[in-house]
Amino acid sequence: MTFPAPFRVFSPFSSTTIIVPRAGARPLRVETVKARAAAPKTGSFGLSAEPRPAAQKITVRVPVPPPASVLYVPTPKGLVRSESYEEWLDQAARRLNAQKPGRIGAIYALDVIAPRNARTRQFGALERPLVELLARCRIVRRGLPPEKFSATYGAGAELALTISNFPAA
């Protein structure tokens, strides 16, 4: 069974289509775009489709996040990320991607070596920004917190992160 189309389509040019919705209506002109080459199909989705290889252990250096008191700001709709937190995420993501880390595809352990200063005084406040950074850079799956989180004081002006596969018990 065929259904009559409520409009007619004219194609006088190869890149332009003129559509007349009904008799007496103003014609619509639709420009078509050039076809882009498709990404190669791997049959995988999510982190397994990433071109970076999976790794057992990754060690990277990132700058110290802003203090916990300025990570989020209150708005009428609730808490949102502050500008300083967004800037830190952008800069840290660029720096992290420049180190070309691999990815961790399973549950993981996160070990942090932090400099002793006012920003790193609360180790619990370090976990959330670091997990968000790792998820943004697609090193770990989004929304997956570490199975083990440990933090110690060490030398240096920035954080040294070691992300490793957590052995399933």
C-alpha atoms as a PDB file:
ATOM      1  CA  MET A   1       0.000   0.000   0.000  1.00  0.00           C
ATOM      2  CA  THR A   2       1.355   3.398  -0.917  1.00  0.00           C
ATOM      3  CA  PHE A   3       0.602   6.636   0.824  1.00  0.00           C
ATOM      4  CA  PRO A   4       0.569   9.880  -1.130  1.00  0.00           C
ATOM      5  CA  ALA A   5       3.227  12.301   0.064  1.00  0.00           C
ATOM      6  CA  PRO A   6       1.838  15.664   1.241  1.00  0.00           C
ATOM      7  CA  PHE A   7       4.659  17.513  -0.470  1.00  0.00           C
ATOM      8  CA  ARG A   8       6.671  17.466  -3.678  1.00  0.00           C
ATOM      9  CA  VAL A   9      10.471  17.434  -3.847  1.00  0.00           C
ATOM     10  CA  PHE A  10      12.407  19.074  -6.660  1.00  0.00           C
ATOM     11  CA  SER A  11      16.149  18.620  -7.010  1.00  0.00           C
ATOM     12  CA  PRO A  12      17.411  20.968  -9.711  1.00  0.00           C
ATOM     13  CA  PHE A  13      20.921  20.972  -8.226  1.00  0.00           C
ATOM     14  CA  SER A  14      22.954  18.232  -6.639  1.00  0.00           C
ATOM     15  CA  SER A  15      23.555  20.096  -3.364  1.00  0.00           C
ATOM     16  CA  THR A  16      20.221  21.902  -3.006  1.00  0.00           C
ATOM     17  CA  THR A  17      16.771  20.451  -2.493  1.00  0.00           C
ATOM     18  CA  ILE A  18      13.631  22.558  -2.758  1.00  0.00           C
ATOM     19  CA  ILE A  19      10.614  21.236  -0.879  1.00  0.00           C
ATOM     20  CA  VAL A  20       7.098  22.527  -1.489  1.00  0.00           C
ATOM     21  CA  PRO A  21       4.982  21.386   1.502  1.00  0.00           C
ATOM     22  CA  ARG A  22       1.549  21.992  -0.107  1.00  0.00           C
ATOM     23  CA  ALA A  23       0.006  23.888  -2.995  1.00  0.00           C
ATOM     24  CA  GLY A  24       0.317  27.635  -2.546  1.00  0.00           C
ATOM     25  CA  ALA A  25       2.840  27.370   0.313  1.00  0.00           C
ATOM     26  CA  ARG A  26       6.212  29.014   0.250  1.00  0.00           C
ATOM     27  CA  PRO A  27       8.940  26.611  -0.990  1.00  0.00           C
ATOM     28  CA  LEU A  28      11.641  25.590   1.486  1.00  0.00           C
ATOM     29  CA  ARG A  29      15.225  25.386   0.346  1.00  0.00           C
ATOM     30  CA  VAL A  30      17.411  22.788   2.050  1.00  0.00           C
ATOM     31  CA  GLU A  31      21.155  22.728   1.550  1.00  0.00           C
ATOM     32  CA  THR A  32      22.786  19.342   1.877  1.00  0.00           C
ATOM     33  CA  VAL A  33      26.155  18.904   3.486  1.00  0.00           C
ATOM     34  CA  LYS A  34      29.124  17.020   2.180  1.00  0.00           C
ATOM     35  CA  ALA A  35      29.453  13.487   3.429  1.00  0.00           C
ATOM     36  CA  ARG A  36      32.263  13.017   5.948  1.00  0.00           C
ATOM     37  CA  ALA A  37      34.387   9.945   6.217  1.00  0.00           C
ATOM     38  CA  ALA A  38      33.080   7.711   8.971  1.00  0.00           C
ATOM     39  CA  ALA A  39      35.247   6.609  11.860  1.00  0.00           C
ATOM     40  CA  PRO A  40      36.425   3.021  11.557  1.00  0.00           C
ATOM     41  CA  LYS A  41      34.015   0.588  13.147  1.00  0.00           C
ATOM     42  CA  THR A  42      35.628  -1.435  15.911  1.00  0.00           C
ATOM     43  CA  GLY A  43      32.543  -3.167  17.226  1.00  0.00           C
ATOM     44  CA  SER A  44      33.391  -1.819  20.679  1.00  0.00           C
ATOM     45  CA  PHE A  45      31.809   0.981  22.663  1.00  0.00           C
ATOM     46  CA  GLY A  46      32.889   3.140  25.590  1.00  0.00           C
ATOM     47  CA  LEU A  47      36.434   2.847  26.895  1.00  0.00           C
ATOM     48  CA  SER A  48      37.086  -0.368  24.982  1.00  0.00           C
ATOM     49  CA  ALA A  49      36.686   1.598  21.712  1.00  0.00           C
ATOM     50  CA  GLU A  50      39.410   4.080  22.691  1.00  0.00           C
ATOM     51  CA  PRO A  51      42.529   4.042  20.533  1.00  0.00           C
ATOM     52  CA  ARG A  52      44.702   4.181  23.642  1.00  0.00           C
ATOM     53  CA  PRO A  53      45.848   0.806  24.914  1.00  0.00           C
ATOM     54  CA  ALA A  54      44.614  -0.635  28.164  1.00  0.00           C
ATOM     55  CA  ALA A  55      47.212  -0.550  30.933  1.00  0.00           C
ATOM     56  CA  GLN A  56      47.737  -2.318  34.228  1.00  0.00           C
ATOM     57  CA  LYS A  57      49.332   0.675  35.941  1.00  0.00           C
ATOM     58  CA  ILE A  58      49.540   4.365  35.024  1.00  0.00           C
ATOM     59  CA  THR A  59      51.560   7.076  36.760  1.00  0.00           C
ATOM     60  CA  VAL A  60      50.872  10.719  35.878  1.00  0.00           C
ATOM     61  CA  ARG A  61      51.466  14.173  37.360  1.00  0.00           C
ATOM     62  CA  VAL A  62      48.719  16.788  37.648  1.00  0.00           C
ATOM     63  CA  PRO A  63      48.434  20.190  39.342  1.00  0.00           C
ATOM     64  CA  VAL A  64      46.801  20.452  42.751  1.00  0.00           C
ATOM     65  CA  PRO A  65      43.032  21.126  42.550  1.00  0.00           C
ATOM     66  CA  PRO A  66      41.499  24.229  44.126  1.00  0.00           C
ATOM     67  CA  PRO A  67      40.578  24.101  47.819  1.00  0.00           C
ATOM     68  CA  ALA A  68      37.494  22.066  48.714  1.00  0.00           C
ATOM     69  CA  SER A  69      35.602  25.169  49.815  1.00  0.00           C
ATOM     70  CA  VAL A  70      35.613  26.661  46.292  1.00  0.00           C
ATOM     71  CA  LEU A  71      34.920  23.566  44.177  1.00  0.00           C
ATOM     72  CA  TYR A  72      31.180  24.239  43.998  1.00  0.00           C
ATOM     73  CA  VAL A  73      29.131  27.414  44.333  1.00  0.00           C
ATOM     74  CA  PRO A  74      25.475  27.619  45.378  1.00  0.00           C
ATOM     75  CA  THR A  75      22.903  28.805  42.819  1.00  0.00           C
ATOM     76  CA  PRO A  76      19.099  28.864  42.927  1.00  0.00           C
ATOM     77  CA  LYS A  77      19.124  25.534  41.026  1.00  0.00           C
ATOM     78  CA  GLY A  78      21.623  23.899  43.391  1.00  0.00           C
ATOM     79  CA  LEU A  79      25.397  23.512  43.540  1.00  0.00           C
ATOM     80  CA  VAL A  80      27.374  23.965  40.323  1.00  0.00           C
ATOM     81  CA  ARG A  81      31.096  23.811  39.575  1.00  0.00           C
ATOM     82  CA  SER A  82      32.925  27.051  40.201  1.00  0.00           C
ATOM     83  CA  GLU A  83      34.891  28.861  37.502  1.00  0.00           C
ATOM     84  CA  SER A  84      38.186  28.093  39.230  1.00  0.00           C
ATOM     85  CA  TYR A  85      37.264  24.398  39.344  1.00  0.00           C
ATOM     86  CA  GLU A  86      36.337  24.365  35.628  1.00  0.00           C
ATOM     87  CA  GLU A  87      39.604  26.152  34.751  1.00  0.00           C
ATOM     88  CA  TRP A  88      41.572  23.633  36.804  1.00  0.00           C
ATOM     89  CA  LEU A  89      39.764  20.728  35.075  1.00  0.00           C
ATOM     90  CA  ASP A  90      40.591  22.156  31.632  1.00  0.00           C
ATOM     91  CA  GLN A  91      44.251  22.848  32.410  1.00  0.00           C
ATOM     92  CA  ALA A  92      44.767  19.547  34.214  1.00  0.00           C
ATOM     93  CA  ALA A  93      43.066  17.625  31.384  1.00  0.00           C
ATOM     94  CA  ARG A  94      45.383  19.222  28.810  1.00  0.00           C
ATOM     95  CA  ARG A  95      48.394  18.423  30.938  1.00  0.00           C
ATOM     96  CA  LEU A  96      47.227  14.869  31.591  1.00  0.00           C
ATOM     97  CA  ASN A  97      46.517  14.160  27.914  1.00  0.00           C
ATOM     98  CA  ALA A  98      49.961  15.502  26.972  1.00  0.00           C
ATOM     99  CA  GLN A  99      51.460  12.684  29.040  1.00  0.00           C
ATOM    100  CA  LYS A 100      49.613  10.173  26.789  1.00  0.00           C
ATOM    101  CA  PRO A 101      48.412   7.790  29.486  1.00  0.00           C
ATOM    102  CA  GLY A 102      46.694   4.530  28.733  1.00  0.00           C
ATOM    103  CA  ARG A 103      43.314   3.618  30.160  1.00  0.00           C
ATOM    104  CA  ILE A 104      42.086   1.408  32.963  1.00  0.00           C
ATOM    105  CA  GLY A 105      39.128  -0.674  31.863  1.00  0.00           C
ATOM    106  CA  ALA A 106      38.084  -2.242  35.161  1.00  0.00           C
ATOM    107  CA  ILE A 107      37.837  -1.395  38.837  1.00  0.00           C
ATOM    108  CA  TYR A 108      40.900   0.491  39.954  1.00  0.00           C
ATOM    109  CA  ALA A 109      42.964   1.725  42.870  1.00  0.00           C
ATOM    110  CA  LEU A 110      44.064   5.357  43.081  1.00  0.00           C
ATOM    111  CA  ASP A 111      47.224   6.271  44.983  1.00  0.00           C
ATOM    112  CA  VAL A 112      48.043   9.963  45.407  1.00  0.00           C
ATOM    113  CA  ILE A 113      51.311  11.523  46.540  1.00  0.00           C
ATOM    114  CA  ALA A 114      50.565  15.148  47.421  1.00  0.00           C
ATOM    115  CA  PRO A 115      52.715  18.059  48.566  1.00  0.00           C
ATOM    116  CA  ARG A 116      52.107  19.169  52.144  1.00  0.00           C
ATOM    117  CA  ASN A 117      50.220  22.469  51.919  1.00  0.00           C
ATOM    118  CA  ALA A 118      46.850  24.018  52.803  1.00  0.00           C
ATOM    119  CA  ARG A 119      45.135  22.671  49.668  1.00  0.00           C
ATOM    120  CA  THR A 120      46.057  19.064  50.350  1.00  0.00           C
ATOM    121  CA  ARG A 121      45.319  19.099  54.063  1.00  0.00           C
ATOM    122  CA  GLN A 122      42.058  17.202  53.525  1.00  0.00           C
ATOM    123  CA  PHE A 123      42.755  14.072  51.536  1.00  0.00           C
ATOM    124  CA  GLY A 124      39.050  13.218  51.313  1.00  0.00           C
ATOM    125  CA  ALA A 125      38.421  16.428  49.375  1.00  0.00           C
ATOM    126  CA  LEU A 126      41.012  15.381  46.764  1.00  0.00           C
ATOM    127  CA  GLU A 127      39.179  12.256  45.642  1.00  0.00           C
ATOM    128  CA  ARG A 128      36.205  13.789  43.824  1.00  0.00           C
ATOM    129  CA  PRO A 129      38.081  16.301  41.628  1.00  0.00           C
ATOM    130  CA  LEU A 130      40.691  13.703  40.697  1.00  0.00           C
ATOM    131  CA  VAL A 131      38.087  11.085  39.751  1.00  0.00           C
ATOM    132  CA  GLU A 132      36.248  13.691  37.637  1.00  0.00           C
ATOM    133  CA  LEU A 133      39.522  14.586  35.924  1.00  0.00           C
ATOM    134  CA  LEU A 134      40.353  10.945  35.169  1.00  0.00           C
ATOM    135  CA  ALA A 135      36.844  10.359  33.817  1.00  0.00           C
ATOM    136  CA  ARG A 136      37.019  13.503  31.649  1.00  0.00           C
ATOM    137  CA  CYS A 137      40.282  12.279  30.138  1.00  0.00           C
ATOM    138  CA  ARG A 138      38.716   8.818  29.624  1.00  0.00           C
ATOM    139  CA  ILE A 139      41.313   7.020  31.709  1.00  0.00           C
ATOM    140  CA  VAL A 140      38.604   5.467  33.884  1.00  0.00           C
ATOM    141  CA  ARG A 141      34.889   4.959  33.284  1.00  0.00           C
ATOM    142  CA  ARG A 142      32.662   7.899  34.179  1.00  0.00           C
ATOM    143  CA  GLY A 143      30.930   7.529  37.514  1.00  0.00           C
ATOM    144  CA  LEU A 144      33.179   4.720  38.720  1.00  0.00           C
ATOM    145  CA  PRO A 145      34.869   5.651  42.013  1.00  0.00           C
ATOM    146  CA  PRO A 146      38.110   3.947  42.986  1.00  0.00           C
ATOM    147  CA  GLU A 147      37.856   0.695  44.895  1.00  0.00           C
ATOM    148  CA  LYS A 148      40.894   1.774  46.943  1.00  0.00           C
ATOM    149  CA  PHE A 149      42.001   5.368  47.551  1.00  0.00           C
ATOM    150  CA  SER A 150      45.203   6.140  49.395  1.00  0.00           C
ATOM    151  CA  ALA A 151      46.997   9.443  49.791  1.00  0.00           C
ATOM    152  CA  THR A 152      50.338  10.288  51.331  1.00  0.00           C
ATOM    153  CA  TYR A 153      52.499  13.377  51.623  1.00  0.00           C
ATOM    154  CA  GLY A 154      55.578  13.607  49.458  1.00  0.00           C
ATOM    155  CA  ALA A 155      57.949  16.023  47.794  1.00  0.00           C
ATOM    156  CA  GLY A 156      57.154  18.181  44.782  1.00  0.00           C
ATOM    157  CA  ALA A 157      54.713  20.929  43.926  1.00  0.00           C
ATOM    158  CA  GLU A 158      52.120  18.802  42.151  1.00  0.00           C
ATOM    159  CA  LEU A 159      50.231  15.566  42.628  1.00  0.00           C
ATOM    160  CA  ALA A 160      51.614  12.232  41.488  1.00  0.00           C
ATOM    161  CA  LEU A 161      48.756   9.859  40.660  1.00  0.00           C
ATOM    162  CA  THR A 162      49.166   6.125  40.287  1.00  0.00           C
ATOM    163  CA  ILE A 163      46.136   4.367  38.847  1.00  0.00           C
ATOM    164  CA  SER A 164      46.272   0.585  38.768  1.00  0.00           C
ATOM    165  CA  ASN A 165      43.900  -2.297  38.197  1.00  0.00           C
ATOM    166  CA  PHE A 166      42.436  -3.421  41.502  1.00  0.00           C
ATOM    167  CA  PRO A 167      42.690  -7.171  41.957  1.00  0.00           C
ATOM    168  CA  ALA A 168      39.253  -8.754  42.254  1.00  0.00           C
ATOM    169  CA  ALA A 169      38.982 -10.704  45.491  1.00  0.00           C
END
